[in-house]
């Protein structure tokens, strides 16, 4: 198992993100998986990317309620328009 990045590794870096997110077509995924299994450098990078992606999914903030989003948009629009809007609940 290689620990030194090759030219193939450098070319695959952009694809590793799509691989981790399971966005590659099946044939490309299989080819990348074969490389990741045989290359310690890319295997380590793929595992680290998977860990970061999992952390991001777990720590994602819940979406704000629709009424809060509506009021926030109204407040921002008022500020951009130069109005001192203090209450956007109505």
PDB file of N, CA and C in Angstrom:
ATOM      1  N   UNK A   1       0.858  -1.179   0.000  1.00  0.00           N
ATOM      2  CA  UNK A   1       0.000   0.000   0.000  1.00  0.00           C
ATOM      3  C   UNK A   1       0.898   1.234   0.000  1.00  0.00           C
ATOM      4  N   UNK A   2       0.678   2.105  -0.963  1.00  0.00           N
ATOM      5  CA  UNK A   2       1.506   3.294  -1.107  1.00  0.00           C
ATOM      6  C   UNK A   2       1.092   4.387  -0.126  1.00  0.00           C
ATOM      7  N   UNK A   3       2.076   5.090   0.416  1.00  0.00           N
ATOM      8  CA  UNK A   3       1.814   6.225   1.303  1.00  0.00           C
ATOM      9  C   UNK A   3       2.222   7.532   0.631  1.00  0.00           C
ATOM     10  N   UNK A   4       2.816   7.453  -0.566  1.00  0.00           N
ATOM     11  CA  UNK A   4       3.276   8.638  -1.275  1.00  0.00           C
ATOM     12  C   UNK A   4       2.281   8.973  -2.378  1.00  0.00           C
ATOM     13  N   UNK A   5       1.781  10.209  -2.425  1.00  0.00           N
ATOM     14  CA  UNK A   5       0.815  10.575  -3.467  1.00  0.00           C
ATOM     15  C   UNK A   5       1.446  10.478  -4.852  1.00  0.00           C
ATOM     16  N   UNK A   6       0.684   9.931  -5.775  1.00  0.00           N
ATOM     17  CA  UNK A   6       1.121   9.827  -7.166  1.00  0.00           C
ATOM     18  C   UNK A   6       0.391  10.891  -7.985  1.00  0.00           C
ATOM     19  N   UNK A   7       0.723  10.973  -9.259  1.00  0.00           N
ATOM     20  CA  UNK A   7      -0.003  11.895 -10.139  1.00  0.00           C
ATOM     21  C   UNK A   7      -1.482  11.526 -10.180  1.00  0.00           C
ATOM     22  N   UNK A   8      -1.778  10.228 -10.112  1.00  0.00           N
ATOM     23  CA  UNK A   8      -3.184   9.780 -10.081  1.00  0.00           C
ATOM     24  C   UNK A   8      -3.866  10.316  -8.826  1.00  0.00           C
ATOM     25  N   UNK A   9      -3.175  10.312  -7.701  1.00  0.00           N
ATOM     26  CA  UNK A   9      -3.747  10.832  -6.450  1.00  0.00           C
ATOM     27  C   UNK A   9      -4.126  12.297  -6.608  1.00  0.00           C
ATOM     28  N   UNK A  10      -3.208  13.058  -7.165  1.00  0.00           N
ATOM     29  CA  UNK A  10      -3.455  14.491  -7.347  1.00  0.00           C
ATOM     30  C   UNK A  10      -4.670  14.692  -8.240  1.00  0.00           C
ATOM     31  N   UNK A  11      -4.801  13.890  -9.293  1.00  0.00           N
ATOM     32  CA  UNK A  11      -5.942  14.015 -10.204  1.00  0.00           C
ATOM     33  C   UNK A  11      -7.254  13.615  -9.530  1.00  0.00           C
ATOM     34  N   UNK A  12      -7.187  12.730  -8.547  1.00  0.00           N
ATOM     35  CA  UNK A  12      -8.403  12.226  -7.899  1.00  0.00           C
ATOM     36  C   UNK A  12      -8.880  13.065  -6.722  1.00  0.00           C
ATOM     37  N   UNK A  13      -8.082  14.008  -6.283  1.00  0.00           N
ATOM     38  CA  UNK A  13      -8.463  14.791  -5.103  1.00  0.00           C
ATOM     39  C   UNK A  13      -9.833  15.442  -5.286  1.00  0.00           C
ATOM     40  N   UNK A  14     -10.084  16.011  -6.444  1.00  0.00           N
ATOM     41  CA  UNK A  14     -11.378  16.660  -6.684  1.00  0.00           C
ATOM     42  C   UNK A  14     -12.512  15.643  -6.660  1.00  0.00           C
ATOM     43  N   UNK A  15     -12.252  14.418  -7.081  1.00  0.00           N
ATOM     44  CA  UNK A  15     -13.289  13.396  -7.110  1.00  0.00           C
ATOM     45  C   UNK A  15     -13.564  12.800  -5.731  1.00  0.00           C
ATOM     46  N   UNK A  16     -12.613  12.914  -4.819  1.00  0.00           N
ATOM     47  CA  UNK A  16     -12.803  12.314  -3.498  1.00  0.00           C
ATOM     48  C   UNK A  16     -13.998  12.901  -2.762  1.00  0.00           C
ATOM     49  N   UNK A  17     -14.233  14.179  -2.935  1.00  0.00           N
ATOM     50  CA  UNK A  17     -15.392  14.794  -2.284  1.00  0.00           C
ATOM     51  C   UNK A  17     -16.690  14.195  -2.817  1.00  0.00           C
ATOM     52  N   UNK A  18     -16.783  14.071  -4.143  1.00  0.00           N
ATOM     53  CA  UNK A  18     -17.972  13.459  -4.741  1.00  0.00           C
ATOM     54  C   UNK A  18     -18.085  11.991  -4.317  1.00  0.00           C
ATOM     55  N   UNK A  19     -16.962  11.318  -4.184  1.00  0.00           N
ATOM     56  CA  UNK A  19     -16.942   9.928  -3.735  1.00  0.00           C
ATOM     57  C   UNK A  19     -17.500   9.813  -2.314  1.00  0.00           C
ATOM     58  N   UNK A  20     -17.012  10.658  -1.424  1.00  0.00           N
ATOM     59  CA  UNK A  20     -17.457  10.633  -0.031  1.00  0.00           C
ATOM     60  C   UNK A  20     -18.950  10.946   0.066  1.00  0.00           C
ATOM     61  N   UNK A  21     -19.433  11.843  -0.787  1.00  0.00           N
ATOM     62  CA  UNK A  21     -20.849  12.211  -0.778  1.00  0.00           C
ATOM     63  C   UNK A  21     -21.711  11.251  -1.594  1.00  0.00           C
ATOM     64  N   UNK A  22     -21.087  10.183  -2.103  1.00  0.00           N
ATOM     65  CA  UNK A  22     -21.775   9.160  -2.908  1.00  0.00           C
ATOM     66  C   UNK A  22     -22.473   9.764  -4.121  1.00  0.00           C
ATOM     67  N   UNK A  23     -21.767  10.683  -4.799  1.00  0.00           N
ATOM     68  CA  UNK A  23     -22.321  11.365  -5.961  1.00  0.00           C
ATOM     69  C   UNK A  23     -21.691  10.912  -7.276  1.00  0.00           C
ATOM     70  N   UNK A  24     -20.787   9.947  -7.233  1.00  0.00           N
ATOM     71  CA  UNK A  24     -20.141   9.475  -8.454  1.00  0.00           C
ATOM     72  C   UNK A  24     -20.989   8.407  -9.130  1.00  0.00           C
ATOM     73  N   UNK A  25     -20.959   8.356 -10.459  1.00  0.00           N
ATOM     74  CA  UNK A  25     -21.622   7.253 -11.164  1.00  0.00           C
ATOM     75  C   UNK A  25     -20.976   5.928 -10.745  1.00  0.00           C
ATOM     76  N   UNK A  26     -21.709   4.830 -10.807  1.00  0.00           N
ATOM     77  CA  UNK A  26     -21.203   3.540 -10.305  1.00  0.00           C
ATOM     78  C   UNK A  26     -19.826   3.133 -10.845  1.00  0.00           C
ATOM     79  N   UNK A  27     -19.585   3.268 -12.115  1.00  0.00           N
ATOM     80  CA  UNK A  27     -18.297   2.839 -12.684  1.00  0.00           C
ATOM     81  C   UNK A  27     -17.152   3.686 -12.127  1.00  0.00           C
ATOM     82  N   UNK A  28     -17.346   4.999 -12.036  1.00  0.00           N
ATOM     83  CA  UNK A  28     -16.314   5.869 -11.476  1.00  0.00           C
ATOM     84  C   UNK A  28     -16.103   5.572  -9.997  1.00  0.00           C
ATOM     85  N   UNK A  29     -17.191   5.287  -9.295  1.00  0.00           N
ATOM     86  CA  UNK A  29     -17.096   4.978  -7.867  1.00  0.00           C
ATOM     87  C   UNK A  29     -16.256   3.726  -7.651  1.00  0.00           C
ATOM     88  N   UNK A  30     -16.523   2.674  -8.448  1.00  0.00           N
ATOM     89  CA  UNK A  30     -15.763   1.428  -8.302  1.00  0.00           C
ATOM     90  C   UNK A  30     -14.277   1.654  -8.579  1.00  0.00           C
ATOM     91  N   UNK A  31     -13.963   2.428  -9.619  1.00  0.00           N
ATOM     92  CA  UNK A  31     -12.564   2.698  -9.949  1.00  0.00           C
ATOM     93  C   UNK A  31     -11.882   3.466  -8.817  1.00  0.00           C
ATOM     94  N   UNK A  32     -12.585   4.445  -8.272  1.00  0.00           N
ATOM     95  CA  UNK A  32     -12.007   5.233  -7.182  1.00  0.00           C
ATOM     96  C   UNK A  32     -11.856   4.388  -5.920  1.00  0.00           C
ATOM     97  N   UNK A  33     -12.845   3.533  -5.641  1.00  0.00           N
ATOM     98  CA  UNK A  33     -12.746   2.651  -4.478  1.00  0.00           C
ATOM     99  C   UNK A  33     -11.536   1.735  -4.581  1.00  0.00           C
ATOM    100  N   UNK A  34     -11.267   1.216  -5.776  1.00  0.00           N
ATOM    101  CA  UNK A  34     -10.105   0.349  -5.972  1.00  0.00           C
ATOM    102  C   UNK A  34      -8.823   1.122  -5.673  1.00  0.00           C
ATOM    103  N   UNK A  35      -8.755   2.355  -6.135  1.00  0.00           N
ATOM    104  CA  UNK A  35      -7.571   3.166  -5.871  1.00  0.00           C
ATOM    105  C   UNK A  35      -7.448   3.476  -4.380  1.00  0.00           C
ATOM    106  N   UNK A  36      -8.547   3.852  -3.752  1.00  0.00           N
ATOM    107  CA  UNK A  36      -8.531   4.204  -2.328  1.00  0.00           C
ATOM    108  C   UNK A  36      -8.093   3.002  -1.482  1.00  0.00           C
ATOM    109  N   UNK A  37      -8.522   1.795  -1.870  1.00  0.00           N
ATOM    110  CA  UNK A  37      -8.116   0.591  -1.126  1.00  0.00           C
ATOM    111  C   UNK A  37      -6.624   0.310  -1.272  1.00  0.00           C
ATOM    112  N   UNK A  38      -6.045   0.653  -2.425  1.00  0.00           N
ATOM    113  CA  UNK A  38      -4.644   0.314  -2.668  1.00  0.00           C
ATOM    114  C   UNK A  38      -3.680   1.447  -2.344  1.00  0.00           C
ATOM    115  N   UNK A  39      -4.196   2.625  -2.055  1.00  0.00           N
ATOM    116  CA  UNK A  39      -3.343   3.793  -1.824  1.00  0.00           C
ATOM    117  C   UNK A  39      -3.568   4.318  -0.405  1.00  0.00           C
ATOM    118  N   UNK A  40      -2.562   4.173   0.418  1.00  0.00           N
ATOM    119  CA  UNK A  40      -2.683   4.632   1.802  1.00  0.00           C
ATOM    120  C   UNK A  40      -2.943   6.120   1.902  1.00  0.00           C
ATOM    121  N   UNK A  41      -2.336   6.887   1.020  1.00  0.00           N
ATOM    122  CA  UNK A  41      -2.510   8.342   1.035  1.00  0.00           C
ATOM    123  C   UNK A  41      -3.973   8.712   0.756  1.00  0.00           C
ATOM    124  N   UNK A  42      -4.523   8.160  -0.313  1.00  0.00           N
ATOM    125  CA  UNK A  42      -5.917   8.485  -0.663  1.00  0.00           C
ATOM    126  C   UNK A  42      -6.898   7.831   0.308  1.00  0.00           C
ATOM    127  N   UNK A  43      -6.550   6.656   0.826  1.00  0.00           N
ATOM    128  CA  UNK A  43      -7.402   6.004   1.812  1.00  0.00           C
ATOM    129  C   UNK A  43      -7.529   6.853   3.066  1.00  0.00           C
ATOM    130  N   UNK A  44      -6.407   7.385   3.527  1.00  0.00           N
ATOM    131  CA  UNK A  44      -6.419   8.255   4.704  1.00  0.00           C
ATOM    132  C   UNK A  44      -7.232   9.514   4.428  1.00  0.00           C
ATOM    133  N   UNK A  45      -7.011  10.120   3.268  1.00  0.00           N
ATOM    134  CA  UNK A  45      -7.748  11.335   2.923  1.00  0.00           C
ATOM    135  C   UNK A  45      -9.239  11.057   2.830  1.00  0.00           C
ATOM    136  N   UNK A  46      -9.623   9.943   2.205  1.00  0.00           N
ATOM    137  CA  UNK A  46     -11.040   9.601   2.086  1.00  0.00           C
ATOM    138  C   UNK A  46     -11.669   9.401   3.467  1.00  0.00           C
ATOM    139  N   UNK A  47     -10.978   8.702   4.359  1.00  0.00           N
ATOM    140  CA  UNK A  47     -11.516   8.495   5.719  1.00  0.00           C
ATOM    141  C   UNK A  47     -11.673   9.815   6.458  1.00  0.00           C
ATOM    142  N   UNK A  48     -10.706  10.701   6.291  1.00  0.00           N
ATOM    143  CA  UNK A  48     -10.804  12.013   6.953  1.00  0.00           C
ATOM    144  C   UNK A  48     -11.941  12.840   6.375  1.00  0.00           C
ATOM    145  N   UNK A  49     -12.103  12.805   5.046  1.00  0.00           N
ATOM    146  CA  UNK A  49     -13.218  13.530   4.427  1.00  0.00           C
ATOM    147  C   UNK A  49     -14.555  12.966   4.900  1.00  0.00           C
ATOM    148  N   UNK A  50     -14.646  11.639   5.004  1.00  0.00           N
ATOM    149  CA  UNK A  50     -15.878  11.015   5.498  1.00  0.00           C
ATOM    150  C   UNK A  50     -16.179  11.471   6.927  1.00  0.00           C
ATOM    151  N   UNK A  51     -15.144  11.562   7.755  1.00  0.00           N
ATOM    152  CA  UNK A  51     -15.336  12.008   9.145  1.00  0.00           C
ATOM    153  C   UNK A  51     -15.816  13.457   9.186  1.00  0.00           C
ATOM    154  N   UNK A  52     -15.225  14.310   8.359  1.00  0.00           N
ATOM    155  CA  UNK A  52     -15.642  15.720   8.321  1.00  0.00           C
ATOM    156  C   UNK A  52     -17.080  15.834   7.819  1.00  0.00           C
ATOM    157  N   UNK A  53     -17.417  15.080   6.763  1.00  0.00           N
ATOM    158  CA  UNK A  53     -18.785  15.122   6.229  1.00  0.00           C
ATOM    159  C   UNK A  53     -19.787  14.655   7.279  1.00  0.00           C
ATOM    160  N   UNK A  54     -19.458  13.598   8.014  1.00  0.00           N
ATOM    161  CA  UNK A  54     -20.352  13.108   9.064  1.00  0.00           C
ATOM    162  C   UNK A  54     -20.513  14.148  10.164  1.00  0.00           C
ATOM    163  N   UNK A  55     -19.417  14.779  10.550  1.00  0.00           N
ATOM    164  CA  UNK A  55     -19.481  15.820  11.580  1.00  0.00           C
ATOM    165  C   UNK A  55     -20.377  16.968  11.117  1.00  0.00           C
ATOM    166  N   UNK A  56     -20.224  17.375   9.857  1.00  0.00           N
ATOM    167  CA  UNK A  56     -21.053  18.473   9.327  1.00  0.00           C
ATOM    168  C   UNK A  56     -22.529  18.101   9.330  1.00  0.00           C
ATOM    169  N   UNK A  57     -22.842  16.867   8.930  1.00  0.00           N
ATOM    170  CA  UNK A  57     -24.245  16.433   8.945  1.00  0.00           C
ATOM    171  C   UNK A  57     -24.804  16.426  10.358  1.00  0.00           C
ATOM    172  N   UNK A  58     -24.017  15.955  11.312  1.00  0.00           N
ATOM    173  CA  UNK A  58     -24.473  15.866  12.701  1.00  0.00           C
ATOM    174  C   UNK A  58     -24.636  17.230  13.358  1.00  0.00           C
ATOM    175  N   UNK A  59     -23.808  18.179  12.965  1.00  0.00           N
ATOM    176  CA  UNK A  59     -23.839  19.471  13.636  1.00  0.00           C
ATOM    177  C   UNK A  59     -24.641  20.524  12.877  1.00  0.00           C
ATOM    178  N   UNK A  60     -25.295  20.128  11.818  1.00  0.00           N
ATOM    179  CA  UNK A  60     -26.076  21.084  11.038  1.00  0.00           C
ATOM    180  C   UNK A  60     -27.188  21.672  11.907  1.00  0.00           C
ATOM    181  N   UNK A  61     -27.298  22.969  11.842  1.00  0.00           N
ATOM    182  CA  UNK A  61     -28.341  23.647  12.609  1.00  0.00           C
ATOM    183  C   UNK A  61     -29.702  23.344  11.987  1.00  0.00           C
ATOM    184  N   UNK A  62     -30.692  23.142  12.827  1.00  0.00           N
ATOM    185  CA  UNK A  62     -32.036  22.920  12.287  1.00  0.00           C
ATOM    186  C   UNK A  62     -32.522  24.181  11.577  1.00  0.00           C
ATOM    187  N   UNK A  63     -33.383  23.976  10.608  1.00  0.00           N
ATOM    188  CA  UNK A  63     -33.910  25.113   9.862  1.00  0.00           C
ATOM    189  C   UNK A  63     -34.823  25.945  10.764  1.00  0.00           C
ATOM    190  N   UNK A  64     -34.724  27.247  10.595  1.00  0.00           N
ATOM    191  CA  UNK A  64     -35.571  28.145  11.381  1.00  0.00           C
ATOM    192  C   UNK A  64     -37.033  27.973  10.957  1.00  0.00           C
ATOM    193  N   UNK A  65     -37.955  28.197  11.866  1.00  0.00           N
ATOM    194  CA  UNK A  65     -39.378  28.147  11.508  1.00  0.00           C
ATOM    195  C   UNK A  65     -39.696  29.181  10.426  1.00  0.00           C
ATOM    196  N   UNK A  66     -40.706  28.893   9.621  1.00  0.00           N
ATOM    197  CA  UNK A  66     -41.072  29.747   8.488  1.00  0.00           C
ATOM    198  C   UNK A  66     -41.366  31.180   8.919  1.00  0.00           C
ATOM    199  N   UNK A  67     -42.057  31.369  10.052  1.00  0.00           N
ATOM    200  CA  UNK A  67     -42.387  32.728  10.477  1.00  0.00           C
ATOM    201  C   UNK A  67     -41.137  33.515  10.876  1.00  0.00           C
ATOM    202  N   UNK A  68     -40.148  32.839  11.456  1.00  0.00           N
ATOM    203  CA  UNK A  68     -38.901  33.511  11.824  1.00  0.00           C
ATOM    204  C   UNK A  68     -38.146  33.910  10.555  1.00  0.00           C
ATOM    205  N   UNK A  69     -38.094  32.993   9.570  1.00  0.00           N
ATOM    206  CA  UNK A  69     -37.426  33.324   8.301  1.00  0.00           C
ATOM    207  C   UNK A  69     -38.111  34.506   7.619  1.00  0.00           C
ATOM    208  N   UNK A  70     -39.453  34.516   7.651  1.00  0.00           N
ATOM    209  CA  UNK A  70     -40.203  35.597   7.010  1.00  0.00           C
ATOM    210  C   UNK A  70     -39.893  36.934   7.666  1.00  0.00           C
ATOM    211  N   UNK A  71     -39.899  36.952   9.000  1.00  0.00           N
ATOM    212  CA  UNK A  71     -39.607  38.196   9.712  1.00  0.00           C
ATOM    213  C   UNK A  71     -38.163  38.648   9.488  1.00  0.00           C
ATOM    214  N   UNK A  72     -37.245  37.704   9.445  1.00  0.00           N
ATOM    215  CA  UNK A  72     -35.837  38.062   9.206  1.00  0.00           C
ATOM    216  C   UNK A  72     -35.670  38.659   7.813  1.00  0.00           C
ATOM    217  N   UNK A  73     -36.302  38.041   6.811  1.00  0.00           N
ATOM    218  CA  UNK A  73     -36.222  38.589   5.451  1.00  0.00           C
ATOM    219  C   UNK A  73     -36.815  39.990   5.389  1.00  0.00           C
ATOM    220  N   UNK A  74     -37.952  40.185   6.060  1.00  0.00           N
ATOM    221  CA  UNK A  74     -38.594  41.498   6.068  1.00  0.00           C
ATOM    222  C   UNK A  74     -37.696  42.530   6.739  1.00  0.00           C
ATOM    223  N   UNK A  75     -37.053  42.148   7.823  1.00  0.00           N
ATOM    224  CA  UNK A  75     -36.161  43.075   8.542  1.00  0.00           C
ATOM    225  C   UNK A  75     -34.958  43.444   7.684  1.00  0.00           C
ATOM    226  N   UNK A  76     -34.374  42.461   7.039  1.00  0.00           N
ATOM    227  CA  UNK A  76     -33.230  42.724   6.155  1.00  0.00           C
ATOM    228  C   UNK A  76     -33.658  43.626   5.010  1.00  0.00           C
ATOM    229  N   UNK A  77     -34.807  43.342   4.406  1.00  0.00           N
ATOM    230  CA  UNK A  77     -35.297  44.178   3.305  1.00  0.00           C
ATOM    231  C   UNK A  77     -35.514  45.611   3.774  1.00  0.00           C
ATOM    232  N   UNK A  78     -36.079  45.780   4.979  1.00  0.00           N
ATOM    233  CA  UNK A  78     -36.304  47.121   5.524  1.00  0.00           C
ATOM    234  C   UNK A  78     -34.983  47.837   5.769  1.00  0.00           C
ATOM    235  N   UNK A  79     -34.011  47.126   6.305  1.00  0.00           N
ATOM    236  CA  UNK A  79     -32.700  47.736   6.547  1.00  0.00           C
ATOM    237  C   UNK A  79     -32.042  48.144   5.231  1.00  0.00           C
ATOM    238  N   UNK A  80     -32.147  47.292   4.234  1.00  0.00           N
ATOM    239  CA  UNK A  80     -31.564  47.618   2.933  1.00  0.00           C
ATOM    240  C   UNK A  80     -32.264  48.804   2.272  1.00  0.00           C
ATOM    241  N   UNK A  81     -33.540  48.935   2.559  1.00  0.00           N
ATOM    242  CA  UNK A  81     -34.308  50.052   2.006  1.00  0.00           C
ATOM    243  C   UNK A  81     -34.079  51.340   2.801  1.00  0.00           C
ATOM    244  N   UNK A  82     -33.374  51.245   3.922  1.00  0.00           N
ATOM    245  CA  UNK A  82     -33.070  52.417   4.723  1.00  0.00           C
ATOM    246  C   UNK A  82     -34.155  52.781   5.710  1.00  0.00           C
ATOM    247  N   UNK A  83     -35.070  51.888   5.981  1.00  0.00           N
ATOM    248  CA  UNK A  83     -36.141  52.152   6.944  1.00  0.00           C
ATOM    249  C   UNK A  83     -35.761  51.587   8.294  1.00  0.00           C
ATOM    250  N   UNK A  84     -36.184  52.242   9.326  1.00  0.00           N
ATOM    251  CA  UNK A  84     -35.959  51.770  10.692  1.00  0.00           C
ATOM    252  C   UNK A  84     -37.175  50.970  11.104  1.00  0.00           C
ATOM    253  N   UNK A  85     -37.275  49.762  10.618  1.00  0.00           N
ATOM    254  CA  UNK A  85     -38.412  48.895  10.901  1.00  0.00           C
ATOM    255  C   UNK A  85     -38.147  48.175  12.227  1.00  0.00           C
ATOM    256  N   UNK A  86     -38.968  48.398  13.230  1.00  0.00           N
ATOM    257  CA  UNK A  86     -38.738  47.784  14.523  1.00  0.00           C
ATOM    258  C   UNK A  86     -39.579  46.537  14.748  1.00  0.00           C
ATOM    259  N   UNK A  87     -40.723  46.435  14.132  1.00  0.00           N
ATOM    260  CA  UNK A  87     -41.575  45.269  14.341  1.00  0.00           C
ATOM    261  C   UNK A  87     -42.089  44.797  13.004  1.00  0.00           C
ATOM    262  N   UNK A  88     -41.702  43.565  12.627  1.00  0.00           N
ATOM    263  CA  UNK A  88     -42.128  43.022  11.343  1.00  0.00           C
ATOM    264  C   UNK A  88     -43.076  41.839  11.543  1.00  0.00           C
ATOM    265  N   UNK A  89     -43.742  41.788  12.665  1.00  0.00           N
ATOM    266  CA  UNK A  89     -44.654  40.667  12.950  1.00  0.00           C
ATOM    267  C   UNK A  89     -45.989  40.817  12.234  1.00  0.00           C
ATOM    268  N   UNK A  90     -46.335  41.982  11.791  1.00  0.00           N
ATOM    269  CA  UNK A  90     -47.656  42.142  11.174  1.00  0.00           C
ATOM    270  C   UNK A  90     -47.618  41.877   9.698  1.00  0.00           C
TER     271      UNK A  90
END
